[in-house]
């Protein structure tokens, strides 16, 4: 089973592999500067729209719209 904690950990791991800060990623997604940090710390959850933006940003679902 994939949990919220699993998602947060994987998000952090993939973001770090990409070599970007949480702030930089947030701003690239058009969100407030603390958005990704809030998700990674468990203070927030992404909407479906932002979940897809996050996947696309991390090259996880590049074929989803094809």
C-alpha atoms as a PDB file:
ATOM      1  CA  UNK A   1       0.000   0.000   0.000  1.00  0.00           C
ATOM      2  CA  UNK A   2       1.282   3.452  -0.947  1.00  0.00           C
ATOM      3  CA  UNK A   3       0.830   5.906   1.913  1.00  0.00           C
ATOM      4  CA  UNK A   4       0.944   9.679   2.243  1.00  0.00           C
ATOM      5  CA  UNK A   5       4.294   9.290   3.990  1.00  0.00           C
ATOM      6  CA  UNK A   6       5.603   7.224   1.057  1.00  0.00           C
ATOM      7  CA  UNK A   7       4.545   9.998  -1.309  1.00  0.00           C
ATOM      8  CA  UNK A   8       6.259  12.684   0.774  1.00  0.00           C
ATOM      9  CA  UNK A   9       9.483  10.691   0.980  1.00  0.00           C
ATOM     10  CA  UNK A  10       9.468   9.897  -2.740  1.00  0.00           C
ATOM     11  CA  UNK A  11       8.747  13.521  -3.621  1.00  0.00           C
ATOM     12  CA  UNK A  12      11.722  14.651  -1.542  1.00  0.00           C
ATOM     13  CA  UNK A  13      13.967  11.992  -3.059  1.00  0.00           C
ATOM     14  CA  UNK A  14      13.043  12.808  -6.658  1.00  0.00           C
ATOM     15  CA  UNK A  15      13.287  16.546  -6.090  1.00  0.00           C
ATOM     16  CA  UNK A  16      16.760  16.169  -4.620  1.00  0.00           C
ATOM     17  CA  UNK A  17      17.826  13.905  -7.500  1.00  0.00           C
ATOM     18  CA  UNK A  18      16.725  16.665  -9.853  1.00  0.00           C
ATOM     19  CA  UNK A  19      18.948  19.040  -7.882  1.00  0.00           C
ATOM     20  CA  UNK A  20      16.358  21.671  -7.024  1.00  0.00           C
ATOM     21  CA  UNK A  21      15.290  23.159  -3.716  1.00  0.00           C
ATOM     22  CA  UNK A  22      11.725  22.878  -2.474  1.00  0.00           C
ATOM     23  CA  UNK A  23      11.391  26.652  -2.947  1.00  0.00           C
ATOM     24  CA  UNK A  24      12.692  26.525  -6.515  1.00  0.00           C
ATOM     25  CA  UNK A  25      10.323  23.693  -7.394  1.00  0.00           C
ATOM     26  CA  UNK A  26       7.364  25.513  -5.830  1.00  0.00           C
ATOM     27  CA  UNK A  27       8.053  28.643  -7.826  1.00  0.00           C
ATOM     28  CA  UNK A  28       8.540  26.624 -11.035  1.00  0.00           C
ATOM     29  CA  UNK A  29       5.081  25.142 -10.495  1.00  0.00           C
ATOM     30  CA  UNK A  30       3.576  28.607 -10.038  1.00  0.00           C
ATOM     31  CA  UNK A  31       2.841  27.989  -6.362  1.00  0.00           C
ATOM     32  CA  UNK A  32       3.833  29.941  -3.270  1.00  0.00           C
ATOM     33  CA  UNK A  33       7.483  29.499  -2.191  1.00  0.00           C
ATOM     34  CA  UNK A  34       6.666  27.113   0.686  1.00  0.00           C
ATOM     35  CA  UNK A  35       4.244  24.859  -1.184  1.00  0.00           C
ATOM     36  CA  UNK A  36       6.504  21.840  -1.769  1.00  0.00           C
ATOM     37  CA  UNK A  37       8.033  22.127   1.709  1.00  0.00           C
ATOM     38  CA  UNK A  38       4.526  22.010   3.176  1.00  0.00           C
ATOM     39  CA  UNK A  39       3.763  18.838   1.215  1.00  0.00           C
ATOM     40  CA  UNK A  40       7.064  17.212   2.161  1.00  0.00           C
ATOM     41  CA  UNK A  41       6.539  18.021   5.842  1.00  0.00           C
ATOM     42  CA  UNK A  42       2.966  16.715   5.850  1.00  0.00           C
ATOM     43  CA  UNK A  43       1.337  20.112   6.434  1.00  0.00           C
ATOM     44  CA  UNK A  44      -0.437  20.014   3.058  1.00  0.00           C
ATOM     45  CA  UNK A  45      -1.469  17.659   0.295  1.00  0.00           C
ATOM     46  CA  UNK A  46      -1.475  18.543  -3.382  1.00  0.00           C
ATOM     47  CA  UNK A  47      -4.682  18.900  -5.308  1.00  0.00           C
ATOM     48  CA  UNK A  48      -5.088  16.537  -8.244  1.00  0.00           C
ATOM     49  CA  UNK A  49      -4.089  19.386 -10.552  1.00  0.00           C
ATOM     50  CA  UNK A  50      -0.855  20.053  -8.661  1.00  0.00           C
ATOM     51  CA  UNK A  51      -0.184  16.336  -8.263  1.00  0.00           C
ATOM     52  CA  UNK A  52      -0.112  16.127 -12.060  1.00  0.00           C
ATOM     53  CA  UNK A  53       2.085  19.238 -12.278  1.00  0.00           C
ATOM     54  CA  UNK A  54       4.493  17.645  -9.781  1.00  0.00           C
ATOM     55  CA  UNK A  55       4.577  14.387 -11.764  1.00  0.00           C
ATOM     56  CA  UNK A  56       5.229  16.250 -15.000  1.00  0.00           C
ATOM     57  CA  UNK A  57       7.910  18.436 -13.370  1.00  0.00           C
ATOM     58  CA  UNK A  58       9.692  15.326 -12.081  1.00  0.00           C
ATOM     59  CA  UNK A  59       9.321  13.565 -15.448  1.00  0.00           C
ATOM     60  CA  UNK A  60       7.124  10.893 -13.905  1.00  0.00           C
ATOM     61  CA  UNK A  61       4.138  11.107 -16.248  1.00  0.00           C
ATOM     62  CA  UNK A  62       5.412  12.660 -19.441  1.00  0.00           C
ATOM     63  CA  UNK A  63       3.165  10.397 -21.547  1.00  0.00           C
ATOM     64  CA  UNK A  64      -0.020  10.946 -19.549  1.00  0.00           C
ATOM     65  CA  UNK A  65      -1.370  13.530 -21.994  1.00  0.00           C
ATOM     66  CA  UNK A  66      -0.436  11.679 -25.198  1.00  0.00           C
END
